[in-house]
Amino acid sequence: LDHANLSAIRGWALFAQGARFTQTRLEGADLSFARLSNARFEA
């Protein structure tokens, strides 16, 4: 999901282990209870 725009998504309890979010926009995103181990959110 590099350079994607996920602003204000509803991502409660999503599974994104090992996913890539480099320079991704996630302002105001709901990622509560999400599984994000080994994911990359650089910048």
Full PDB file with SEQRES, HELIX, SHEET, SSBOND, CRYST1, ORIGX, SCALE, CONECT and MASTER records, all heavy atoms in Angstrom:
SEQRES   1 A   43  LEU ASP HIS ALA ASN LEU SER ALA ILE ARG GLY TRP ALA          
SEQRES   2 A   43  LEU PHE ALA GLN GLY ALA ARG PHE THR GLN THR ARG LEU          
SEQRES   3 A   43  GLU GLY ALA ASP LEU SER PHE ALA ARG LEU SER ASN ALA          
SEQRES   4 A   43  ARG PHE GLU ALA                                              
CRYST1    1.000    1.000    1.000  90.00  90.00  90.00 P 1           1          
ORIGX1      1.000000  0.000000  0.000000        0.00000                         
ORIGX2      0.000000  1.000000  0.000000        0.00000                         
ORIGX3      0.000000  0.000000  1.000000        0.00000                         
SCALE1      1.000000  0.000000  0.000000        0.00000                         
SCALE2      0.000000  1.000000  0.000000        0.00000                         
SCALE3      0.000000  0.000000  1.000000        0.00000                         
ATOM      1  N   LEU A   1       0.826  -1.202   0.000  1.00  0.00           N  
ATOM      2  CA  LEU A   1       0.000   0.000   0.000  1.00  0.00           C  
ATOM      3  C   LEU A   1       0.865   1.259   0.000  1.00  0.00           C  
ATOM      4  O   LEU A   1       0.462   2.306   0.498  1.00  0.00           O  
ATOM      5  CB  LEU A   1      -0.945  -0.010   1.204  1.00  0.00           C  
ATOM      6  CG  LEU A   1      -1.963  -1.152   1.207  1.00  0.00           C  
ATOM      7  CD1 LEU A   1      -1.630  -2.187   2.269  1.00  0.00           C  
ATOM      8  CD2 LEU A   1      -3.374  -0.639   1.416  1.00  0.00           C  
ATOM      9  N   ASP A   2       2.046   1.157  -0.580  1.00  0.00           N  
ATOM     10  CA  ASP A   2       2.954   2.296  -0.623  1.00  0.00           C  
ATOM     11  C   ASP A   2       2.307   3.472  -1.354  1.00  0.00           C  
ATOM     12  O   ASP A   2       1.703   3.303  -2.418  1.00  0.00           O  
ATOM     13  CB  ASP A   2       4.259   1.913  -1.327  1.00  0.00           C  
ATOM     14  CG  ASP A   2       4.965   0.749  -0.648  1.00  0.00           C  
ATOM     15  OD1 ASP A   2       4.906   0.676   0.587  1.00  0.00           O  
ATOM     16  OD2 ASP A   2       5.570  -0.081  -1.358  1.00  0.00           O  
ATOM     17  N   HIS A   3       2.421   4.664  -0.756  1.00  0.00           N  
ATOM     18  CA  HIS A   3       1.917   5.909  -1.344  1.00  0.00           C  
ATOM     19  C   HIS A   3       0.400   5.911  -1.541  1.00  0.00           C  
ATOM     20  O   HIS A   3      -0.128   6.756  -2.273  1.00  0.00           O  
ATOM     21  CB  HIS A   3       2.599   6.199  -2.693  1.00  0.00           C  
ATOM     22  CG  HIS A   3       4.089   6.274  -2.607  1.00  0.00           C  
ATOM     23  ND1 HIS A   3       4.762   7.400  -2.185  1.00  0.00           N  
ATOM     24  CD2 HIS A   3       5.051   5.342  -2.865  1.00  0.00           C  
ATOM     25  CE1 HIS A   3       6.064   7.165  -2.198  1.00  0.00           C  
ATOM     26  NE2 HIS A   3       6.274   5.927  -2.600  1.00  0.00           N  
ATOM     27  N   ALA A   4      -0.308   5.001  -0.899  1.00  0.00           N  
ATOM     28  CA  ALA A   4      -1.777   4.977  -1.002  1.00  0.00           C  
ATOM     29  C   ALA A   4      -2.378   5.978  -0.014  1.00  0.00           C  
ATOM     30  O   ALA A   4      -1.725   6.448   0.909  1.00  0.00           O  
ATOM     31  CB  ALA A   4      -2.305   3.576  -0.731  1.00  0.00           C  
ATOM     32  N   ASN A   5      -3.662   6.293  -0.223  1.00  0.00           N  
ATOM     33  CA  ASN A   5      -4.377   7.189   0.679  1.00  0.00           C  
ATOM     34  C   ASN A   5      -5.461   6.389   1.401  1.00  0.00           C  
ATOM     35  O   ASN A   5      -6.461   6.001   0.799  1.00  0.00           O  
ATOM     36  CB  ASN A   5      -4.999   8.353  -0.095  1.00  0.00           C  
ATOM     37  CG  ASN A   5      -5.581   9.417   0.827  1.00  0.00           C  
ATOM     38  OD1 ASN A   5      -5.767   9.191   2.028  1.00  0.00           O  
ATOM     39  ND2 ASN A   5      -5.875  10.583   0.280  1.00  0.00           N  
ATOM     40  N   LEU A   6      -5.230   6.147   2.701  1.00  0.00           N  
ATOM     41  CA  LEU A   6      -6.183   5.421   3.535  1.00  0.00           C  
ATOM     42  C   LEU A   6      -6.723   6.315   4.653  1.00  0.00           C  
ATOM     43  O   LEU A   6      -7.087   5.859   5.721  1.00  0.00           O  
ATOM     44  CB  LEU A   6      -5.532   4.175   4.147  1.00  0.00           C  
ATOM     45  CG  LEU A   6      -5.360   2.940   3.240  1.00  0.00           C  
ATOM     46  CD1 LEU A   6      -4.183   3.114   2.296  1.00  0.00           C  
ATOM     47  CD2 LEU A   6      -5.160   1.678   4.058  1.00  0.00           C  
ATOM     48  N   SER A   7      -6.792   7.595   4.390  1.00  0.00           N  
ATOM     49  CA  SER A   7      -7.264   8.524   5.407  1.00  0.00           C  
ATOM     50  C   SER A   7      -8.692   8.179   5.835  1.00  0.00           C  
ATOM     51  O   SER A   7      -9.557   7.900   5.002  1.00  0.00           O  
ATOM     52  CB  SER A   7      -7.238   9.964   4.869  1.00  0.00           C  
ATOM     53  OG  SER A   7      -5.930  10.344   4.526  1.00  0.00           O  
ATOM     54  N   ALA A   8      -8.906   8.185   7.147  1.00  0.00           N  
ATOM     55  CA  ALA A   8     -10.234   7.986   7.742  1.00  0.00           C  
ATOM     56  C   ALA A   8     -10.872   6.643   7.385  1.00  0.00           C  
ATOM     57  O   ALA A   8     -12.092   6.513   7.377  1.00  0.00           O  
ATOM     58  CB  ALA A   8     -11.171   9.139   7.368  1.00  0.00           C  
ATOM     59  N   ILE A   9     -10.043   5.613   7.085  1.00  0.00           N  
ATOM     60  CA  ILE A   9     -10.632   4.300   6.832  1.00  0.00           C  
ATOM     61  C   ILE A   9     -11.176   3.700   8.131  1.00  0.00           C  
ATOM     62  O   ILE A   9     -10.784   4.077   9.228  1.00  0.00           O  
ATOM     63  CB  ILE A   9      -9.618   3.307   6.220  1.00  0.00           C  
ATOM     64  CG1 ILE A   9      -8.469   3.026   7.205  1.00  0.00           C  
ATOM     65  CG2 ILE A   9      -9.124   3.778   4.880  1.00  0.00           C  
ATOM     66  CD1 ILE A   9      -7.678   1.786   6.879  1.00  0.00           C  
ATOM     67  N   ARG A  10     -12.075   2.761   7.980  1.00  0.00           N  
ATOM     68  CA  ARG A  10     -12.554   1.971   9.105  1.00  0.00           C  
ATOM     69  C   ARG A  10     -11.857   0.619   9.011  1.00  0.00           C  
ATOM     70  O   ARG A  10     -12.237  -0.242   8.228  1.00  0.00           O  
ATOM     71  CB  ARG A  10     -14.072   1.820   9.040  1.00  0.00           C  
ATOM     72  CG  ARG A  10     -14.815   3.134   9.223  1.00  0.00           C  
ATOM     73  CD  ARG A  10     -16.288   3.009   8.899  1.00  0.00           C  
ATOM     74  NE  ARG A  10     -16.956   2.053   9.775  1.00  0.00           N  
ATOM     75  CZ  ARG A  10     -18.241   1.704   9.638  1.00  0.00           C  
ATOM     76  NH1 ARG A  10     -18.959   2.211   8.652  1.00  0.00           N  
ATOM     77  NH2 ARG A  10     -18.783   0.843  10.474  1.00  0.00           N  
ATOM     78  N   GLY A  11     -10.809   0.462   9.844  1.00  0.00           N  
ATOM     79  CA  GLY A  11      -9.995  -0.746   9.759  1.00  0.00           C  
ATOM     80  C   GLY A  11      -9.948  -1.522  11.054  1.00  0.00           C  
ATOM     81  O   GLY A  11      -8.927  -2.151  11.356  1.00  0.00           O  
ATOM     82  N   TRP A  12     -11.025  -1.478  11.810  1.00  0.00           N  
ATOM     83  CA  TRP A  12     -11.063  -2.187  13.088  1.00  0.00           C  
ATOM     84  C   TRP A  12     -10.758  -3.675  12.881  1.00  0.00           C  
ATOM     85  O   TRP A  12     -11.329  -4.332  12.017  1.00  0.00           O  
ATOM     86  CB  TRP A  12     -12.447  -2.037  13.726  1.00  0.00           C  
ATOM     87  CG  TRP A  12     -12.624  -2.777  15.009  1.00  0.00           C  
ATOM     88  CD1 TRP A  12     -12.213  -2.396  16.255  1.00  0.00           C  
ATOM     89  CD2 TRP A  12     -13.252  -4.058  15.164  1.00  0.00           C  
ATOM     90  NE1 TRP A  12     -12.547  -3.349  17.183  1.00  0.00           N  
ATOM     91  CE2 TRP A  12     -13.182  -4.381  16.552  1.00  0.00           C  
ATOM     92  CE3 TRP A  12     -13.855  -4.964  14.291  1.00  0.00           C  
ATOM     93  CZ2 TRP A  12     -13.699  -5.567  17.059  1.00  0.00           C  
ATOM     94  CZ3 TRP A  12     -14.367  -6.138  14.789  1.00  0.00           C  
ATOM     95  CH2 TRP A  12     -14.293  -6.427  16.160  1.00  0.00           C  
ATOM     96  N   ALA A  13      -9.791  -4.162  13.649  1.00  0.00           N  
ATOM     97  CA  ALA A  13      -9.446  -5.583  13.682  1.00  0.00           C  
ATOM     98  C   ALA A  13      -9.022  -6.142  12.319  1.00  0.00           C  
ATOM     99  O   ALA A  13      -9.159  -7.340  12.069  1.00  0.00           O  
ATOM    100  CB  ALA A  13     -10.603  -6.412  14.244  1.00  0.00           C  
ATOM    101  N   LEU A  14      -8.480  -5.296  11.444  1.00  0.00           N  
ATOM    102  CA  LEU A  14      -7.984  -5.839  10.175  1.00  0.00           C  
ATOM    103  C   LEU A  14      -6.658  -6.562  10.395  1.00  0.00           C  
ATOM    104  O   LEU A  14      -5.985  -6.378  11.402  1.00  0.00           O  
ATOM    105  CB  LEU A  14      -7.844  -4.747   9.116  1.00  0.00           C  
ATOM    106  CG  LEU A  14      -6.868  -3.577   9.254  1.00  0.00           C  
ATOM    107  CD1 LEU A  14      -5.421  -3.989   9.018  1.00  0.00           C  
ATOM    108  CD2 LEU A  14      -7.216  -2.476   8.272  1.00  0.00           C  
ATOM    109  N   PHE A  15      -6.279  -7.387   9.436  1.00  0.00           N  
ATOM    110  CA  PHE A  15      -5.047  -8.172   9.502  1.00  0.00           C  
ATOM    111  C   PHE A  15      -4.101  -7.662   8.413  1.00  0.00           C  
ATOM    112  O   PHE A  15      -4.420  -7.751   7.237  1.00  0.00           O  
ATOM    113  CB  PHE A  15      -5.338  -9.657   9.289  1.00  0.00           C  
ATOM    114  CG  PHE A  15      -6.283 -10.246  10.293  1.00  0.00           C  
ATOM    115  CD1 PHE A  15      -7.657 -10.217  10.077  1.00  0.00           C  
ATOM    116  CD2 PHE A  15      -5.805 -10.818  11.466  1.00  0.00           C  
ATOM    117  CE1 PHE A  15      -8.532 -10.752  11.010  1.00  0.00           C  
ATOM    118  CE2 PHE A  15      -6.671 -11.352  12.406  1.00  0.00           C  
ATOM    119  CZ  PHE A  15      -8.037 -11.319  12.174  1.00  0.00           C  
ATOM    120  N   ALA A  16      -2.962  -7.103   8.822  1.00  0.00           N  
ATOM    121  CA  ALA A  16      -2.019  -6.574   7.843  1.00  0.00           C  
ATOM    122  C   ALA A  16      -0.584  -6.923   8.213  1.00  0.00           C  
ATOM    123  O   ALA A  16       0.344  -6.136   8.013  1.00  0.00           O  
ATOM    124  CB  ALA A  16      -2.187  -5.059   7.716  1.00  0.00           C  
ATOM    125  N   GLN A  17      -0.385  -8.120   8.739  1.00  0.00           N  
ATOM    126  CA  GLN A  17       0.963  -8.547   9.095  1.00  0.00           C  
ATOM    127  C   GLN A  17       1.844  -8.574   7.833  1.00  0.00           C  
ATOM    128  O   GLN A  17       1.454  -9.126   6.803  1.00  0.00           O  
ATOM    129  CB  GLN A  17       0.943  -9.927   9.736  1.00  0.00           C  
ATOM    130  CG  GLN A  17       0.222  -9.978  11.076  1.00  0.00           C  
ATOM    131  CD  GLN A  17      -1.217 -10.412  10.961  1.00  0.00           C  
ATOM    132  OE1 GLN A  17      -1.887 -10.062   9.995  1.00  0.00           O  
ATOM    133  NE2 GLN A  17      -1.694 -11.185  11.926  1.00  0.00           N  
ATOM    134  N   GLY A  18       3.015  -7.939   7.949  1.00  0.00           N  
ATOM    135  CA  GLY A  18       3.959  -7.954   6.835  1.00  0.00           C  
ATOM    136  C   GLY A  18       3.584  -7.051   5.672  1.00  0.00           C  
ATOM    137  O   GLY A  18       4.253  -7.078   4.639  1.00  0.00           O  
ATOM    138  N   ALA A  19       2.542  -6.245   5.816  1.00  0.00           N  
ATOM    139  CA  ALA A  19       2.136  -5.345   4.735  1.00  0.00           C  
ATOM    140  C   ALA A  19       3.055  -4.126   4.680  1.00  0.00           C  
ATOM    141  O   ALA A  19       3.737  -3.790   5.648  1.00  0.00           O  
ATOM    142  CB  ALA A  19       0.690  -4.906   4.921  1.00  0.00           C  
ATOM    143  N   ARG A  20       3.060  -3.434   3.539  1.00  0.00           N  
ATOM    144  CA  ARG A  20       3.905  -2.261   3.343  1.00  0.00           C  
ATOM    145  C   ARG A  20       3.046  -1.015   3.183  1.00  0.00           C  
ATOM    146  O   ARG A  20       2.158  -0.965   2.324  1.00  0.00           O  
ATOM    147  CB  ARG A  20       4.803  -2.442   2.117  1.00  0.00           C  
ATOM    148  CG  ARG A  20       5.919  -3.453   2.335  1.00  0.00           C  
ATOM    149  CD  ARG A  20       6.759  -3.646   1.098  1.00  0.00           C  
ATOM    150  NE  ARG A  20       7.184  -2.369   0.524  1.00  0.00           N  
ATOM    151  CZ  ARG A  20       7.983  -2.277  -0.535  1.00  0.00           C  
ATOM    152  NH1 ARG A  20       8.436  -3.371  -1.122  1.00  0.00           N  
ATOM    153  NH2 ARG A  20       8.327  -1.104  -1.007  1.00  0.00           N  
ATOM    154  N   PHE A  21       3.341  -0.011   4.030  1.00  0.00           N  
ATOM    155  CA  PHE A  21       2.622   1.261   4.019  1.00  0.00           C  
ATOM    156  C   PHE A  21       3.608   2.423   3.896  1.00  0.00           C  
ATOM    157  O   PHE A  21       3.444   3.445   4.528  1.00  0.00           O  
ATOM    158  CB  PHE A  21       1.815   1.421   5.306  1.00  0.00           C  
ATOM    159  CG  PHE A  21       0.734   0.391   5.528  1.00  0.00           C  
ATOM    160  CD1 PHE A  21       1.014  -0.813   6.166  1.00  0.00           C  
ATOM    161  CD2 PHE A  21      -0.572   0.639   5.122  1.00  0.00           C  
ATOM    162  CE1 PHE A  21       0.020  -1.750   6.398  1.00  0.00           C  
ATOM    163  CE2 PHE A  21      -1.575  -0.293   5.348  1.00  0.00           C  
ATOM    164  CZ  PHE A  21      -1.283  -1.484   5.986  1.00  0.00           C  
ATOM    165  N   THR A  22       4.627   2.293   3.083  1.00  0.00           N  
ATOM    166  CA  THR A  22       5.648   3.322   2.971  1.00  0.00           C  
ATOM    167  C   THR A  22       5.054   4.607   2.392  1.00  0.00           C  
ATOM    168  O   THR A  22       4.431   4.594   1.328  1.00  0.00           O  
ATOM    169  CB  THR A  22       6.805   2.849   2.069  1.00  0.00           C  
ATOM    170  OG1 THR A  22       7.316   1.622   2.578  1.00  0.00           O  
ATOM    171  CG2 THR A  22       7.921   3.884   2.032  1.00  0.00           C  
ATOM    172  N   GLN A  23       5.221   5.719   3.132  1.00  0.00           N  
ATOM    173  CA  GLN A  23       4.704   7.031   2.744  1.00  0.00           C  
ATOM    174  C   GLN A  23       3.202   7.014   2.466  1.00  0.00           C  
ATOM    175  O   GLN A  23       2.691   7.761   1.623  1.00  0.00           O  
ATOM    176  CB  GLN A  23       5.474   7.586   1.536  1.00  0.00           C  
ATOM    177  CG  GLN A  23       6.953   7.832   1.833  1.00  0.00           C  
ATOM    178  CD  GLN A  23       7.686   8.496   0.691  1.00  0.00           C  
ATOM    179  OE1 GLN A  23       7.144   9.351   0.006  1.00  0.00           O  
ATOM    180  NE2 GLN A  23       8.932   8.087   0.472  1.00  0.00           N  
ATOM    181  N   THR A  24       2.507   6.171   3.186  1.00  0.00           N  
ATOM    182  CA  THR A  24       1.058   6.055   3.040  1.00  0.00           C  
ATOM    183  C   THR A  24       0.356   7.058   3.944  1.00  0.00           C  
ATOM    184  O   THR A  24       0.789   7.326   5.056  1.00  0.00           O  
ATOM    185  CB  THR A  24       0.615   4.622   3.388  1.00  0.00           C  
ATOM    186  OG1 THR A  24       1.252   3.722   2.487  1.00  0.00           O  
ATOM    187  CG2 THR A  24      -0.891   4.451   3.272  1.00  0.00           C  
ATOM    188  N   ARG A  25      -0.776   7.582   3.491  1.00  0.00           N  
ATOM    189  CA  ARG A  25      -1.576   8.503   4.292  1.00  0.00           C  
ATOM    190  C   ARG A  25      -2.642   7.715   5.064  1.00  0.00           C  
ATOM    191  O   ARG A  25      -3.473   7.034   4.463  1.00  0.00           O  
ATOM    192  CB  ARG A  25      -2.240   9.556   3.407  1.00  0.00           C  
ATOM    193  CG  ARG A  25      -1.266  10.508   2.723  1.00  0.00           C  
ATOM    194  CD  ARG A  25      -2.008  11.620   2.008  1.00  0.00           C  
ATOM    195  NE  ARG A  25      -2.864  12.370   2.934  1.00  0.00           N  
ATOM    196  CZ  ARG A  25      -3.700  13.338   2.543  1.00  0.00           C  
ATOM    197  NH1 ARG A  25      -3.787  13.661   1.261  1.00  0.00           N  
ATOM    198  NH2 ARG A  25      -4.430  13.974   3.437  1.00  0.00           N  
ATOM    199  N   LEU A  26      -2.572   7.839   6.392  1.00  0.00           N  
ATOM    200  CA  LEU A  26      -3.520   7.146   7.273  1.00  0.00           C  
ATOM    201  C   LEU A  26      -4.052   8.103   8.344  1.00  0.00           C  
ATOM    202  O   LEU A  26      -4.395   7.693   9.449  1.00  0.00           O  
ATOM    203  CB  LEU A  26      -2.829   5.947   7.932  1.00  0.00           C  
ATOM    204  CG  LEU A  26      -2.494   4.780   6.997  1.00  0.00           C  
ATOM    205  CD1 LEU A  26      -1.166   4.143   7.361  1.00  0.00           C  
ATOM    206  CD2 LEU A  26      -3.597   3.732   7.044  1.00  0.00           C  
ATOM    207  N   GLU A  27      -4.165   9.375   7.993  1.00  0.00           N  
ATOM    208  CA  GLU A  27      -4.642  10.352   8.961  1.00  0.00           C  
ATOM    209  C   GLU A  27      -6.066  10.023   9.401  1.00  0.00           C  
ATOM    210  O   GLU A  27      -6.949   9.792   8.569  1.00  0.00           O  
ATOM    211  CB  GLU A  27      -4.620  11.770   8.373  1.00  0.00           C  
ATOM    212  CG  GLU A  27      -3.249  12.275   7.988  1.00  0.00           C  
ATOM    213  CD  GLU A  27      -2.931  12.075   6.522  1.00  0.00           C  
ATOM    214  OE1 GLU A  27      -3.595  11.225   5.887  1.00  0.00           O  
ATOM    215  OE2 GLU A  27      -2.017  12.757   6.019  1.00  0.00           O  
ATOM    216  N   GLY A  28      -6.279   9.974  10.711  1.00  0.00           N  
ATOM    217  CA  GLY A  28      -7.610   9.715  11.234  1.00  0.00           C  
ATOM    218  C   GLY A  28      -8.132   8.311  10.991  1.00  0.00           C  
ATOM    219  O   GLY A  28      -9.325   8.039  11.181  1.00  0.00           O  
ATOM    220  N   ALA A  29      -7.260   7.399  10.583  1.00  0.00           N  
ATOM    221  CA  ALA A  29      -7.693   6.019  10.313  1.00  0.00           C  
ATOM    222  C   ALA A  29      -8.007   5.282  11.609  1.00  0.00           C  
ATOM    223  O   ALA A  29      -7.350   5.484  12.625  1.00  0.00           O  
ATOM    224  CB  ALA A  29      -6.612   5.267   9.545  1.00  0.00           C  
ATOM    225  N   ASP A  30      -9.021   4.447  11.581  1.00  0.00           N  
ATOM    226  CA  ASP A  30      -9.336   3.592  12.723  1.00  0.00           C  
ATOM    227  C   ASP A  30      -8.675   2.239  12.505  1.00  0.00           C  
ATOM    228  O   ASP A  30      -9.151   1.426  11.713  1.00  0.00           O  
ATOM    229  CB  ASP A  30     -10.846   3.426  12.874  1.00  0.00           C  
ATOM    230  CG  ASP A  30     -11.218   2.555  14.073  1.00  0.00           C  
ATOM    231  OD1 ASP A  30     -10.310   2.177  14.849  1.00  0.00           O  
ATOM    232  OD2 ASP A  30     -12.414   2.248  14.245  1.00  0.00           O  
ATOM    233  N   LEU A  31      -7.580   2.012  13.227  1.00  0.00           N  
ATOM    234  CA  LEU A  31      -6.853   0.745  13.164  1.00  0.00           C  
ATOM    235  C   LEU A  31      -6.850   0.083  14.536  1.00  0.00           C  
ATOM    236  O   LEU A  31      -5.950  -0.690  14.858  1.00  0.00           O  
ATOM    237  CB  LEU A  31      -5.428   0.979  12.670  1.00  0.00           C  
ATOM    238  CG  LEU A  31      -5.284   1.481  11.227  1.00  0.00           C  
ATOM    239  CD1 LEU A  31      -3.870   1.953  10.949  1.00  0.00           C  
ATOM    240  CD2 LEU A  31      -5.696   0.402  10.235  1.00  0.00           C  
ATOM    241  N   SER A  32      -7.851   0.372  15.322  1.00  0.00           N  
ATOM    242  CA  SER A  32      -7.926  -0.227  16.650  1.00  0.00           C  
ATOM    243  C   SER A  32      -8.071  -1.740  16.532  1.00  0.00           C  
ATOM    244  O   SER A  32      -8.767  -2.252  15.654  1.00  0.00           O  
ATOM    245  CB  SER A  32      -9.113   0.349  17.430  1.00  0.00           C  
ATOM    246  OG  SER A  32     -10.322   0.225  16.714  1.00  0.00           O  
ATOM    247  N   PHE A  33      -7.357  -2.444  17.401  1.00  0.00           N  
ATOM    248  CA  PHE A  33      -7.357  -3.910  17.452  1.00  0.00           C  
ATOM    249  C   PHE A  33      -6.784  -4.555  16.186  1.00  0.00           C  
ATOM    250  O   PHE A  33      -6.919  -5.758  15.979  1.00  0.00           O  
ATOM    251  CB  PHE A  33      -8.759  -4.459  17.720  1.00  0.00           C  
ATOM    252  CG  PHE A  33      -9.309  -4.102  19.070  1.00  0.00           C  
ATOM    253  CD1 PHE A  33     -10.017  -2.919  19.252  1.00  0.00           C  
ATOM    254  CD2 PHE A  33      -9.116  -4.937  20.163  1.00  0.00           C  
ATOM    255  CE1 PHE A  33     -10.517  -2.570  20.494  1.00  0.00           C  
ATOM    256  CE2 PHE A  33      -9.608  -4.595  21.412  1.00  0.00           C  
ATOM    257  CZ  PHE A  33     -10.316  -3.414  21.577  1.00  0.00           C  
ATOM    258  N   ALA A  34      -6.138  -3.760  15.331  1.00  0.00           N  
ATOM    259  CA  ALA A  34      -5.560  -4.318  14.098  1.00  0.00           C  
ATOM    260  C   ALA A  34      -4.314  -5.134  14.396  1.00  0.00           C  
ATOM    261  O   ALA A  34      -3.604  -4.898  15.373  1.00  0.00           O  
ATOM    262  CB  ALA A  34      -5.222  -3.196  13.126  1.00  0.00           C  
ATOM    263  N   ARG A  35      -4.018  -6.099  13.536  1.00  0.00           N  
ATOM    264  CA  ARG A  35      -2.832  -6.928  13.637  1.00  0.00           C  
ATOM    265  C   ARG A  35      -1.830  -6.443  12.593  1.00  0.00           C  
ATOM    266  O   ARG A  35      -2.016  -6.668  11.394  1.00  0.00           O  
ATOM    267  CB  ARG A  35      -3.196  -8.411  13.427  1.00  0.00           C  
ATOM    268  CG  ARG A  35      -4.139  -8.956  14.494  1.00  0.00           C  
ATOM    269  CD  ARG A  35      -3.472  -8.962  15.863  1.00  0.00           C  
ATOM    270  NE  ARG A  35      -4.329  -9.484  16.920  1.00  0.00           N  
ATOM    271  CZ  ARG A  35      -5.019  -8.740  17.774  1.00  0.00           C  
ATOM    272  NH1 ARG A  35      -4.975  -7.416  17.680  1.00  0.00           N  
ATOM    273  NH2 ARG A  35      -5.754  -9.283  18.715  1.00  0.00           N  
ATOM    274  N   LEU A  36      -0.786  -5.749  13.064  1.00  0.00           N  
ATOM    275  CA  LEU A  36       0.144  -5.065  12.176  1.00  0.00           C  
ATOM    276  C   LEU A  36       1.595  -5.489  12.391  1.00  0.00           C  
ATOM    277  O   LEU A  36       2.524  -4.774  12.015  1.00  0.00           O  
ATOM    278  CB  LEU A  36       0.026  -3.543  12.388  1.00  0.00           C  
ATOM    279  CG  LEU A  36      -1.379  -2.949  12.238  1.00  0.00           C  
ATOM    280  CD1 LEU A  36      -1.415  -1.499  12.717  1.00  0.00           C  
ATOM    281  CD2 LEU A  36      -1.860  -3.049  10.796  1.00  0.00           C  
ATOM    282  N   SER A  37       1.806  -6.653  12.970  1.00  0.00           N  
ATOM    283  CA  SER A  37       3.170  -7.119  13.236  1.00  0.00           C  
ATOM    284  C   SER A  37       3.965  -7.252  11.939  1.00  0.00           C  
ATOM    285  O   SER A  37       3.439  -7.685  10.901  1.00  0.00           O  
ATOM    286  CB  SER A  37       3.132  -8.465  13.958  1.00  0.00           C  
ATOM    287  OG  SER A  37       2.516  -8.333  15.223  1.00  0.00           O  
ATOM    288  N   ASN A  38       5.243  -6.844  12.011  1.00  0.00           N  
ATOM    289  CA  ASN A  38       6.166  -6.944  10.879  1.00  0.00           C  
ATOM    290  C   ASN A  38       5.751  -6.086   9.678  1.00  0.00           C  
ATOM    291  O   ASN A  38       6.307  -6.239   8.589  1.00  0.00           O  
ATOM    292  CB  ASN A  38       6.346  -8.402  10.427  1.00  0.00           C  
ATOM    293  CG  ASN A  38       7.049  -9.240  11.472  1.00  0.00           C  
ATOM    294  OD1 ASN A  38       8.208  -9.004  11.793  1.00  0.00           O  
ATOM    295  ND2 ASN A  38       6.343 -10.216  12.041  1.00  0.00           N  
ATOM    296  N   ALA A  39       4.796  -5.201   9.862  1.00  0.00           N  
ATOM    297  CA  ALA A  39       4.420  -4.279   8.781  1.00  0.00           C  
ATOM    298  C   ALA A  39       5.427  -3.136   8.725  1.00  0.00           C  
ATOM    299  O   ALA A  39       6.162  -2.881   9.672  1.00  0.00           O  
ATOM    300  CB  ALA A  39       3.012  -3.746   8.998  1.00  0.00           C  
ATOM    301  N   ARG A  40       5.440  -2.421   7.601  1.00  0.00           N  
ATOM    302  CA  ARG A  40       6.378  -1.323   7.408  1.00  0.00           C  
ATOM    303  C   ARG A  40       5.604  -0.040   7.122  1.00  0.00           C  
ATOM    304  O   ARG A  40       4.876   0.041   6.128  1.00  0.00           O  
ATOM    305  CB  ARG A  40       7.353  -1.641   6.279  1.00  0.00           C  
ATOM    306  CG  ARG A  40       8.095  -2.965   6.478  1.00  0.00           C  
ATOM    307  CD  ARG A  40       9.184  -3.162   5.434  1.00  0.00           C  
ATOM    308  NE  ARG A  40      10.316  -2.283   5.683  1.00  0.00           N  
ATOM    309  CZ  ARG A  40      11.365  -2.627   6.422  1.00  0.00           C  
ATOM    310  NH1 ARG A  40      11.416  -3.830   6.997  1.00  0.00           N  
ATOM    311  NH2 ARG A  40      12.368  -1.784   6.598  1.00  0.00           N  
ATOM    312  N   PHE A  41       5.782   0.934   8.022  1.00  0.00           N  
ATOM    313  CA  PHE A  41       5.111   2.222   7.911  1.00  0.00           C  
ATOM    314  C   PHE A  41       6.142   3.351   7.792  1.00  0.00           C  
ATOM    315  O   PHE A  41       5.942   4.436   8.309  1.00  0.00           O  
ATOM    316  CB  PHE A  41       4.249   2.469   9.150  1.00  0.00           C  
ATOM    317  CG  PHE A  41       3.005   1.625   9.251  1.00  0.00           C  
ATOM    318  CD1 PHE A  41       3.058   0.361   9.836  1.00  0.00           C  
ATOM    319  CD2 PHE A  41       1.787   2.089   8.776  1.00  0.00           C  
ATOM    320  CE1 PHE A  41       1.920  -0.417   9.960  1.00  0.00           C  
ATOM    321  CE2 PHE A  41       0.643   1.311   8.889  1.00  0.00           C  
ATOM    322  CZ  PHE A  41       0.704   0.060   9.482  1.00  0.00           C  
ATOM    323  N   GLU A  42       7.247   3.115   7.110  1.00  0.00           N  
ATOM    324  CA  GLU A  42       8.278   4.134   7.028  1.00  0.00           C  
ATOM    325  C   GLU A  42       7.734   5.411   6.381  1.00  0.00           C  
ATOM    326  O   GLU A  42       7.132   5.378   5.309  1.00  0.00           O  
ATOM    327  CB  GLU A  42       9.482   3.638   6.225  1.00  0.00           C  
ATOM    328  CG  GLU A  42      10.357   2.637   6.973  1.00  0.00           C  
ATOM    329  CD  GLU A  42      10.021   1.201   6.632  1.00  0.00           C  
ATOM    330  OE1 GLU A  42       8.940   0.974   6.040  1.00  0.00           O  
ATOM    331  OE2 GLU A  42      10.825   0.305   6.951  1.00  0.00           O  
ATOM    332  N   ALA A  43       7.950   6.553   7.075  1.00  0.00           N  
ATOM    333  CA  ALA A  43       7.538   7.876   6.589  1.00  0.00           C  
ATOM    334  C   ALA A  43       6.040   7.960   6.312  1.00  0.00           C  
ATOM    335  O   ALA A  43       5.591   8.778   5.509  1.00  0.00           O  
ATOM    336  CB  ALA A  43       8.336   8.266   5.342  1.00  0.00           C  
TER     337      ALA A  43                                                      
MASTER        0    0    0    0    0    0    0    6  336    1    0    4          
END                                                                             
